[in-house]
């Protein structure tokens, strides 16, 4: 999403990205240092990592952690947020805890999970989930508070089943809030997963960045960073932006017929 709230045109990628690469190449050539390799050197490293299979192994490990943590965090956050939004008593009881979790640094959570549970996969996933759930809950809570009471009454009058209520009443009204939680959640989870991998896993993009940092291998750092950014951009363009356009479709005024 752009700063102004709209989506950038696709042609902007074909202008900004090549210009960035040209500036990078010029700086690398001018400085002539291993601390800033040329784009060609980074692509060579990326190709070598892809050929030997390391790139795919570590990328898939990171994406698997992101997928599991994101799904569980969205599920838990949606359930909690809906409950808090529909019950003033529950909200008054648990809101202080929610505020504490929102302000708890991710690094503290990661360290605590590793100390308490050891350097295991469950601890890594718990650290990510605990950091994400409060954000989802807060967003969904606001959506649950804004549900139309008249639609609720209509659903009861027509004796909607639980599935009908969920599909026809709850989901259409909550969809923009769920999309906001999804966008914000993925942006947060990407970063936390890399830190989790850097501190306590033996696979993943974060682990490879940590290993490359130890030997000041900037080419490998940039290669894995570019691969990760490319995957994130594909998800953004192919999945999130179309879903966001659908979520905000109702905001756009209908064009009057001439």
C-alpha atoms as a PDB file:
ATOM      1  CA  UNK A   1       0.000   0.000   0.000  1.00  0.00           C
ATOM      2  CA  UNK A   2       1.266   3.460  -0.807  1.00  0.00           C
ATOM      3  CA  UNK A   3       1.544   6.273   1.685  1.00  0.00           C
ATOM      4  CA  UNK A   4      -1.514   7.916   0.192  1.00  0.00           C
ATOM      5  CA  UNK A   5      -3.623   4.784   0.536  1.00  0.00           C
ATOM      6  CA  UNK A   6      -3.806   3.880  -3.174  1.00  0.00           C
ATOM      7  CA  UNK A   7      -1.948   1.281  -5.210  1.00  0.00           C
ATOM      8  CA  UNK A   8       1.002   2.354  -7.398  1.00  0.00           C
ATOM      9  CA  UNK A   9       0.652   1.718 -11.137  1.00  0.00           C
ATOM     10  CA  UNK A  10       2.568  -1.311 -12.399  1.00  0.00           C
ATOM     11  CA  UNK A  11       4.684   0.799 -14.748  1.00  0.00           C
ATOM     12  CA  UNK A  12       6.225   2.533 -11.723  1.00  0.00           C
ATOM     13  CA  UNK A  13       8.031  -0.699 -10.878  1.00  0.00           C
ATOM     14  CA  UNK A  14       9.636  -0.689 -14.334  1.00  0.00           C
ATOM     15  CA  UNK A  15      10.912   2.842 -13.767  1.00  0.00           C
ATOM     16  CA  UNK A  16      11.963   2.870 -10.104  1.00  0.00           C
ATOM     17  CA  UNK A  17      13.588  -0.571  -9.941  1.00  0.00           C
ATOM     18  CA  UNK A  18      15.948  -0.150 -12.949  1.00  0.00           C
ATOM     19  CA  UNK A  19      16.874   3.330 -11.708  1.00  0.00           C
ATOM     20  CA  UNK A  20      17.707   1.898  -8.291  1.00  0.00           C
ATOM     21  CA  UNK A  21      19.878  -0.802  -9.855  1.00  0.00           C
ATOM     22  CA  UNK A  22      21.724   1.795 -11.949  1.00  0.00           C
ATOM     23  CA  UNK A  23      22.444   3.943  -8.893  1.00  0.00           C
ATOM     24  CA  UNK A  24      23.594   0.835  -6.989  1.00  0.00           C
ATOM     25  CA  UNK A  25      25.906  -0.199  -9.858  1.00  0.00           C
ATOM     26  CA  UNK A  26      27.392   3.284 -10.099  1.00  0.00           C
ATOM     27  CA  UNK A  27      28.049   3.463  -6.358  1.00  0.00           C
ATOM     28  CA  UNK A  28      29.573  -0.033  -6.292  1.00  0.00           C
ATOM     29  CA  UNK A  29      31.846   0.768  -9.236  1.00  0.00           C
ATOM     30  CA  UNK A  30      32.898   4.096  -7.732  1.00  0.00           C
ATOM     31  CA  UNK A  31      33.594   2.788  -4.219  1.00  0.00           C
ATOM     32  CA  UNK A  32      35.164  -0.483  -5.436  1.00  0.00           C
ATOM     33  CA  UNK A  33      34.826  -2.275  -2.093  1.00  0.00           C
ATOM     34  CA  UNK A  34      33.716  -5.751  -1.040  1.00  0.00           C
ATOM     35  CA  UNK A  35      31.314  -4.076   1.378  1.00  0.00           C
ATOM     36  CA  UNK A  36      29.180  -2.996  -1.582  1.00  0.00           C
ATOM     37  CA  UNK A  37      29.298  -5.637  -4.350  1.00  0.00           C
ATOM     38  CA  UNK A  38      27.973  -4.871  -7.807  1.00  0.00           C
ATOM     39  CA  UNK A  39      24.527  -6.077  -8.903  1.00  0.00           C
ATOM     40  CA  UNK A  40      26.278  -8.592 -11.159  1.00  0.00           C
ATOM     41  CA  UNK A  41      28.214 -10.079  -8.242  1.00  0.00           C
ATOM     42  CA  UNK A  42      25.034 -10.370  -6.170  1.00  0.00           C
ATOM     43  CA  UNK A  43      23.175 -12.064  -9.023  1.00  0.00           C
ATOM     44  CA  UNK A  44      26.082 -14.479  -9.481  1.00  0.00           C
ATOM     45  CA  UNK A  45      25.902 -15.384  -5.778  1.00  0.00           C
ATOM     46  CA  UNK A  46      22.124 -15.735  -5.997  1.00  0.00           C
ATOM     47  CA  UNK A  47      22.452 -18.038  -8.986  1.00  0.00           C
ATOM     48  CA  UNK A  48      25.039 -20.184  -7.246  1.00  0.00           C
ATOM     49  CA  UNK A  49      22.842 -20.528  -4.160  1.00  0.00           C
ATOM     50  CA  UNK A  50      19.894 -21.470  -6.363  1.00  0.00           C
ATOM     51  CA  UNK A  51      21.892 -24.091  -8.260  1.00  0.00           C
ATOM     52  CA  UNK A  52      23.267 -25.789  -5.145  1.00  0.00           C
ATOM     53  CA  UNK A  53      19.791 -25.834  -3.584  1.00  0.00           C
ATOM     54  CA  UNK A  54      20.608 -23.735  -0.518  1.00  0.00           C
ATOM     55  CA  UNK A  55      18.402 -20.847  -1.633  1.00  0.00           C
ATOM     56  CA  UNK A  56      15.297 -23.007  -2.053  1.00  0.00           C
ATOM     57  CA  UNK A  57      15.888 -24.882   1.203  1.00  0.00           C
ATOM     58  CA  UNK A  58      16.171 -21.755   3.306  1.00  0.00           C
ATOM     59  CA  UNK A  59      13.439 -19.832   1.498  1.00  0.00           C
ATOM     60  CA  UNK A  60      10.988 -22.720   1.903  1.00  0.00           C
ATOM     61  CA  UNK A  61      11.849 -23.008   5.620  1.00  0.00           C
ATOM     62  CA  UNK A  62      11.122 -19.312   6.152  1.00  0.00           C
ATOM     63  CA  UNK A  63       7.908 -19.387   4.128  1.00  0.00           C
ATOM     64  CA  UNK A  64       6.687 -22.450   6.036  1.00  0.00           C
ATOM     65  CA  UNK A  65       7.219 -20.669   9.358  1.00  0.00           C
ATOM     66  CA  UNK A  66       5.495 -17.553   8.060  1.00  0.00           C
ATOM     67  CA  UNK A  67       2.511 -19.561   6.794  1.00  0.00           C
ATOM     68  CA  UNK A  68       1.998 -21.530  10.025  1.00  0.00           C
ATOM     69  CA  UNK A  69       2.509 -18.553  12.331  1.00  0.00           C
ATOM     70  CA  UNK A  70       0.316 -16.293  10.197  1.00  0.00           C
ATOM     71  CA  UNK A  71      -2.568 -18.789  10.006  1.00  0.00           C
ATOM     72  CA  UNK A  72      -2.579 -19.477  13.743  1.00  0.00           C
ATOM     73  CA  UNK A  73      -2.161 -15.816  14.686  1.00  0.00           C
ATOM     74  CA  UNK A  74      -5.012 -14.749  12.390  1.00  0.00           C
ATOM     75  CA  UNK A  75      -7.290 -17.471  13.765  1.00  0.00           C
ATOM     76  CA  UNK A  76      -6.567 -16.691  17.416  1.00  0.00           C
ATOM     77  CA  UNK A  77      -6.582 -12.921  16.900  1.00  0.00           C
ATOM     78  CA  UNK A  78      -9.884 -13.032  15.017  1.00  0.00           C
ATOM     79  CA  UNK A  79     -11.577 -15.120  17.723  1.00  0.00           C
ATOM     80  CA  UNK A  80     -10.224 -12.913  20.525  1.00  0.00           C
ATOM     81  CA  UNK A  81     -10.968  -9.654  18.718  1.00  0.00           C
ATOM     82  CA  UNK A  82     -14.527 -10.718  17.887  1.00  0.00           C
ATOM     83  CA  UNK A  83     -15.173 -11.715  21.506  1.00  0.00           C
ATOM     84  CA  UNK A  84     -13.772  -8.442  22.860  1.00  0.00           C
ATOM     85  CA  UNK A  85     -15.679  -6.366  20.335  1.00  0.00           C
ATOM     86  CA  UNK A  86     -19.011  -7.994  21.166  1.00  0.00           C
ATOM     87  CA  UNK A  87     -18.623  -8.073  24.967  1.00  0.00           C
ATOM     88  CA  UNK A  88     -17.877  -4.901  26.947  1.00  0.00           C
ATOM     89  CA  UNK A  89     -17.161  -6.992  30.032  1.00  0.00           C
ATOM     90  CA  UNK A  90     -14.569  -9.163  28.302  1.00  0.00           C
ATOM     91  CA  UNK A  91     -13.008  -6.092  26.729  1.00  0.00           C
ATOM     92  CA  UNK A  92     -12.689  -4.319  30.093  1.00  0.00           C
ATOM     93  CA  UNK A  93     -11.130  -7.445  31.595  1.00  0.00           C
ATOM     94  CA  UNK A  94      -8.574  -8.234  28.904  1.00  0.00           C
ATOM     95  CA  UNK A  95      -7.804  -4.828  27.387  1.00  0.00           C
ATOM     96  CA  UNK A  96      -4.913  -4.129  29.848  1.00  0.00           C
ATOM     97  CA  UNK A  97      -3.292  -7.444  28.902  1.00  0.00           C
ATOM     98  CA  UNK A  98      -3.726  -6.593  25.236  1.00  0.00           C
ATOM     99  CA  UNK A  99      -2.012  -3.239  25.758  1.00  0.00           C
ATOM    100  CA  UNK A 100       0.906  -4.940  27.532  1.00  0.00           C
ATOM    101  CA  UNK A 101       1.360  -7.460  24.714  1.00  0.00           C
ATOM    102  CA  UNK A 102       1.150  -4.738  22.078  1.00  0.00           C
ATOM    103  CA  UNK A 103       4.001  -2.866  23.748  1.00  0.00           C
ATOM    104  CA  UNK A 104       6.149  -5.904  24.508  1.00  0.00           C
ATOM    105  CA  UNK A 105       9.201  -5.819  22.202  1.00  0.00           C
ATOM    106  CA  UNK A 106       9.389  -8.733  19.797  1.00  0.00           C
ATOM    107  CA  UNK A 107      13.001  -9.379  20.762  1.00  0.00           C
ATOM    108  CA  UNK A 108      12.006  -9.897  24.407  1.00  0.00           C
ATOM    109  CA  UNK A 109       9.318 -12.389  23.417  1.00  0.00           C
ATOM    110  CA  UNK A 110      11.729 -14.325  21.185  1.00  0.00           C
ATOM    111  CA  UNK A 111      14.392 -14.544  23.886  1.00  0.00           C
ATOM    112  CA  UNK A 112      11.870 -15.636  26.523  1.00  0.00           C
ATOM    113  CA  UNK A 113      10.431 -18.362  24.295  1.00  0.00           C
ATOM    114  CA  UNK A 114      13.903 -19.736  23.569  1.00  0.00           C
ATOM    115  CA  UNK A 115      14.890 -19.589  27.252  1.00  0.00           C
ATOM    116  CA  UNK A 116      11.686 -21.268  28.427  1.00  0.00           C
ATOM    117  CA  UNK A 117      11.251 -23.884  25.693  1.00  0.00           C
ATOM    118  CA  UNK A 118      14.729 -24.222  24.206  1.00  0.00           C
ATOM    119  CA  UNK A 119      15.952 -23.636  20.653  1.00  0.00           C
ATOM    120  CA  UNK A 120      13.116 -25.627  19.081  1.00  0.00           C
ATOM    121  CA  UNK A 121      10.631 -24.959  16.307  1.00  0.00           C
ATOM    122  CA  UNK A 122       7.673 -24.632  18.688  1.00  0.00           C
ATOM    123  CA  UNK A 123       9.416 -21.838  20.588  1.00  0.00           C
ATOM    124  CA  UNK A 124      10.163 -20.012  17.332  1.00  0.00           C
ATOM    125  CA  UNK A 125       6.542 -20.217  16.170  1.00  0.00           C
ATOM    126  CA  UNK A 126       5.171 -19.209  19.583  1.00  0.00           C
ATOM    127  CA  UNK A 127       7.362 -16.111  19.582  1.00  0.00           C
ATOM    128  CA  UNK A 128       5.965 -15.007  16.229  1.00  0.00           C
ATOM    129  CA  UNK A 129       2.346 -15.832  17.111  1.00  0.00           C
ATOM    130  CA  UNK A 130       2.445 -14.026  20.469  1.00  0.00           C
ATOM    131  CA  UNK A 131       3.738 -10.895  18.759  1.00  0.00           C
ATOM    132  CA  UNK A 132       1.108 -11.008  16.028  1.00  0.00           C
ATOM    133  CA  UNK A 133      -2.115 -11.988  17.882  1.00  0.00           C
ATOM    134  CA  UNK A 134      -2.575  -8.646  19.727  1.00  0.00           C
ATOM    135  CA  UNK A 135      -2.386  -6.667  16.466  1.00  0.00           C
ATOM    136  CA  UNK A 136      -5.018  -8.845  14.833  1.00  0.00           C
ATOM    137  CA  UNK A 137      -7.228  -8.757  17.921  1.00  0.00           C
ATOM    138  CA  UNK A 138      -7.194  -4.949  18.111  1.00  0.00           C
ATOM    139  CA  UNK A 139      -8.096  -4.551  14.427  1.00  0.00           C
ATOM    140  CA  UNK A 140     -10.839  -7.186  14.505  1.00  0.00           C
ATOM    141  CA  UNK A 141     -12.220  -5.768  17.756  1.00  0.00           C
ATOM    142  CA  UNK A 142     -12.885  -2.452  16.037  1.00  0.00           C
ATOM    143  CA  UNK A 143     -14.659  -4.256  13.234  1.00  0.00           C
ATOM    144  CA  UNK A 144     -16.789  -6.283  15.644  1.00  0.00           C
ATOM    145  CA  UNK A 145     -17.839  -3.075  17.394  1.00  0.00           C
ATOM    146  CA  UNK A 146     -19.048  -1.604  14.111  1.00  0.00           C
ATOM    147  CA  UNK A 147     -21.289  -4.527  13.101  1.00  0.00           C
ATOM    148  CA  UNK A 148     -24.756  -3.378  12.032  1.00  0.00           C
ATOM    149  CA  UNK A 149     -27.276  -4.288  14.744  1.00  0.00           C
ATOM    150  CA  UNK A 150     -30.151  -4.232  12.238  1.00  0.00           C
ATOM    151  CA  UNK A 151     -28.472  -6.887  10.131  1.00  0.00           C
ATOM    152  CA  UNK A 152     -28.045  -8.997  13.262  1.00  0.00           C
ATOM    153  CA  UNK A 153     -31.751  -8.637  14.003  1.00  0.00           C
ATOM    154  CA  UNK A 154     -32.636  -9.559  10.436  1.00  0.00           C
ATOM    155  CA  UNK A 155     -30.482 -12.691  10.664  1.00  0.00           C
ATOM    156  CA  UNK A 156     -32.286 -13.749  13.834  1.00  0.00           C
ATOM    157  CA  UNK A 157     -35.693 -12.979  12.339  1.00  0.00           C
ATOM    158  CA  UNK A 158     -34.971 -15.169   9.318  1.00  0.00           C
ATOM    159  CA  UNK A 159     -33.409 -17.826  11.545  1.00  0.00           C
ATOM    160  CA  UNK A 160     -30.045 -17.872   9.829  1.00  0.00           C
ATOM    161  CA  UNK A 161     -27.864 -20.844  10.627  1.00  0.00           C
ATOM    162  CA  UNK A 162     -24.466 -20.149  12.143  1.00  0.00           C
ATOM    163  CA  UNK A 163     -22.839 -20.671   8.748  1.00  0.00           C
ATOM    164  CA  UNK A 164     -25.322 -18.332   7.013  1.00  0.00           C
ATOM    165  CA  UNK A 165     -24.750 -15.649   9.634  1.00  0.00           C
ATOM    166  CA  UNK A 166     -21.005 -15.998   9.255  1.00  0.00           C
ATOM    167  CA  UNK A 167     -21.097 -15.873   5.450  1.00  0.00           C
ATOM    168  CA  UNK A 168     -23.876 -13.338   4.837  1.00  0.00           C
ATOM    169  CA  UNK A 169     -23.690 -11.001   7.845  1.00  0.00           C
ATOM    170  CA  UNK A 170     -20.351 -11.212   9.658  1.00  0.00           C
ATOM    171  CA  UNK A 171     -17.826 -11.759   6.862  1.00  0.00           C
ATOM    172  CA  UNK A 172     -18.959  -8.992   4.447  1.00  0.00           C
ATOM    173  CA  UNK A 173     -18.819  -6.396   7.218  1.00  0.00           C
ATOM    174  CA  UNK A 174     -15.572  -7.691   8.710  1.00  0.00           C
ATOM    175  CA  UNK A 175     -13.737  -8.221   5.413  1.00  0.00           C
ATOM    176  CA  UNK A 176     -12.042  -4.769   5.321  1.00  0.00           C
ATOM    177  CA  UNK A 177     -10.860  -5.206   8.908  1.00  0.00           C
ATOM    178  CA  UNK A 178      -9.604  -8.719   8.229  1.00  0.00           C
ATOM    179  CA  UNK A 179      -7.718  -7.417   5.197  1.00  0.00           C
ATOM    180  CA  UNK A 180      -6.142  -4.661   7.289  1.00  0.00           C
ATOM    181  CA  UNK A 181      -5.078  -7.276   9.845  1.00  0.00           C
ATOM    182  CA  UNK A 182      -3.719  -9.463   7.042  1.00  0.00           C
ATOM    183  CA  UNK A 183      -1.650  -6.703   5.466  1.00  0.00           C
ATOM    184  CA  UNK A 184      -0.282  -5.478   8.775  1.00  0.00           C
ATOM    185  CA  UNK A 185       0.218  -9.022   9.997  1.00  0.00           C
ATOM    186  CA  UNK A 186       2.303 -10.178   7.081  1.00  0.00           C
ATOM    187  CA  UNK A 187       4.427  -7.038   7.202  1.00  0.00           C
ATOM    188  CA  UNK A 188       5.142  -7.753  10.871  1.00  0.00           C
ATOM    189  CA  UNK A 189       5.555 -11.531  10.626  1.00  0.00           C
ATOM    190  CA  UNK A 190       8.155 -11.362   7.818  1.00  0.00           C
ATOM    191  CA  UNK A 191      10.422  -9.312  10.075  1.00  0.00           C
ATOM    192  CA  UNK A 192       9.895 -11.303  13.263  1.00  0.00           C
ATOM    193  CA  UNK A 193      10.487 -14.651  11.536  1.00  0.00           C
ATOM    194  CA  UNK A 194      13.864 -13.458  10.267  1.00  0.00           C
ATOM    195  CA  UNK A 195      14.895 -12.400  13.782  1.00  0.00           C
ATOM    196  CA  UNK A 196      13.665 -15.729  15.194  1.00  0.00           C
ATOM    197  CA  UNK A 197      15.761 -17.597  12.624  1.00  0.00           C
ATOM    198  CA  UNK A 198      18.785 -15.414  13.219  1.00  0.00           C
ATOM    199  CA  UNK A 199      18.730 -16.027  16.976  1.00  0.00           C
ATOM    200  CA  UNK A 200      17.884 -19.690  17.235  1.00  0.00           C
ATOM    201  CA  UNK A 201      17.241 -21.705  14.081  1.00  0.00           C
ATOM    202  CA  UNK A 202      19.543 -23.656  11.782  1.00  0.00           C
ATOM    203  CA  UNK A 203      17.573 -22.957   8.606  1.00  0.00           C
ATOM    204  CA  UNK A 204      15.779 -20.087   6.956  1.00  0.00           C
ATOM    205  CA  UNK A 205      16.693 -16.758   5.395  1.00  0.00           C
ATOM    206  CA  UNK A 206      17.413 -15.238   8.814  1.00  0.00           C
ATOM    207  CA  UNK A 207      19.897 -18.033   9.566  1.00  0.00           C
ATOM    208  CA  UNK A 208      21.703 -17.484   6.240  1.00  0.00           C
ATOM    209  CA  UNK A 209      21.868 -13.740   6.856  1.00  0.00           C
ATOM    210  CA  UNK A 210      23.402 -14.406  10.267  1.00  0.00           C
ATOM    211  CA  UNK A 211      26.024 -16.769   8.815  1.00  0.00           C
ATOM    212  CA  UNK A 212      26.909 -14.300   6.059  1.00  0.00           C
ATOM    213  CA  UNK A 213      27.173 -11.446   8.570  1.00  0.00           C
ATOM    214  CA  UNK A 214      29.719 -13.373  10.615  1.00  0.00           C
ATOM    215  CA  UNK A 215      32.138 -13.428   7.671  1.00  0.00           C
ATOM    216  CA  UNK A 216      31.080 -10.029   6.235  1.00  0.00           C
ATOM    217  CA  UNK A 217      29.777 -11.695   3.078  1.00  0.00           C
ATOM    218  CA  UNK A 218      27.720  -8.777   1.804  1.00  0.00           C
ATOM    219  CA  UNK A 219      27.027 -10.431  -1.556  1.00  0.00           C
ATOM    220  CA  UNK A 220      25.241 -13.334   0.149  1.00  0.00           C
ATOM    221  CA  UNK A 221      23.375 -10.962   2.462  1.00  0.00           C
ATOM    222  CA  UNK A 222      22.091  -8.961  -0.500  1.00  0.00           C
ATOM    223  CA  UNK A 223      21.362 -12.085  -2.562  1.00  0.00           C
ATOM    224  CA  UNK A 224      19.126 -13.614   0.092  1.00  0.00           C
ATOM    225  CA  UNK A 225      17.556 -10.246   0.824  1.00  0.00           C
ATOM    226  CA  UNK A 226      16.652  -9.783  -2.844  1.00  0.00           C
ATOM    227  CA  UNK A 227      15.225 -13.303  -3.079  1.00  0.00           C
ATOM    228  CA  UNK A 228      13.121 -12.708   0.011  1.00  0.00           C
ATOM    229  CA  UNK A 229      11.926  -9.309  -1.234  1.00  0.00           C
ATOM    230  CA  UNK A 230      10.979 -10.873  -4.581  1.00  0.00           C
ATOM    231  CA  UNK A 231       8.806 -13.506  -2.869  1.00  0.00           C
ATOM    232  CA  UNK A 232       7.128 -10.859  -0.712  1.00  0.00           C
ATOM    233  CA  UNK A 233       6.427  -8.713  -3.768  1.00  0.00           C
ATOM    234  CA  UNK A 234       4.868 -11.642  -5.644  1.00  0.00           C
ATOM    235  CA  UNK A 235       2.544 -12.285  -2.698  1.00  0.00           C
ATOM    236  CA  UNK A 236       1.764  -8.570  -2.512  1.00  0.00           C
ATOM    237  CA  UNK A 237       0.948  -8.156  -6.209  1.00  0.00           C
ATOM    238  CA  UNK A 238      -0.741 -11.505  -6.841  1.00  0.00           C
ATOM    239  CA  UNK A 239      -2.745 -11.939  -3.633  1.00  0.00           C
ATOM    240  CA  UNK A 240      -2.884  -8.987  -1.247  1.00  0.00           C
ATOM    241  CA  UNK A 241      -3.530  -6.120  -3.652  1.00  0.00           C
ATOM    242  CA  UNK A 242      -6.411  -7.906  -5.455  1.00  0.00           C
ATOM    243  CA  UNK A 243      -7.933  -8.791  -2.083  1.00  0.00           C
ATOM    244  CA  UNK A 244      -7.527  -5.228  -0.872  1.00  0.00           C
ATOM    245  CA  UNK A 245      -9.235  -3.860  -3.975  1.00  0.00           C
ATOM    246  CA  UNK A 246     -12.102  -6.216  -3.296  1.00  0.00           C
ATOM    247  CA  UNK A 247     -12.235  -5.146   0.346  1.00  0.00           C
ATOM    248  CA  UNK A 248     -12.439  -1.446  -0.560  1.00  0.00           C
ATOM    249  CA  UNK A 249     -14.747  -1.849  -3.564  1.00  0.00           C
ATOM    250  CA  UNK A 250     -17.768  -0.719  -1.581  1.00  0.00           C
ATOM    251  CA  UNK A 251     -16.060   2.614  -0.831  1.00  0.00           C
ATOM    252  CA  UNK A 252     -15.902   3.625  -4.491  1.00  0.00           C
ATOM    253  CA  UNK A 253     -18.974   5.498  -5.683  1.00  0.00           C
ATOM    254  CA  UNK A 254     -20.898   3.976  -8.532  1.00  0.00           C
ATOM    255  CA  UNK A 255     -20.411   5.720 -11.850  1.00  0.00           C
ATOM    256  CA  UNK A 256     -23.674   7.260 -12.947  1.00  0.00           C
ATOM    257  CA  UNK A 257     -24.963   6.306 -16.362  1.00  0.00           C
ATOM    258  CA  UNK A 258     -24.841   9.093 -18.863  1.00  0.00           C
END
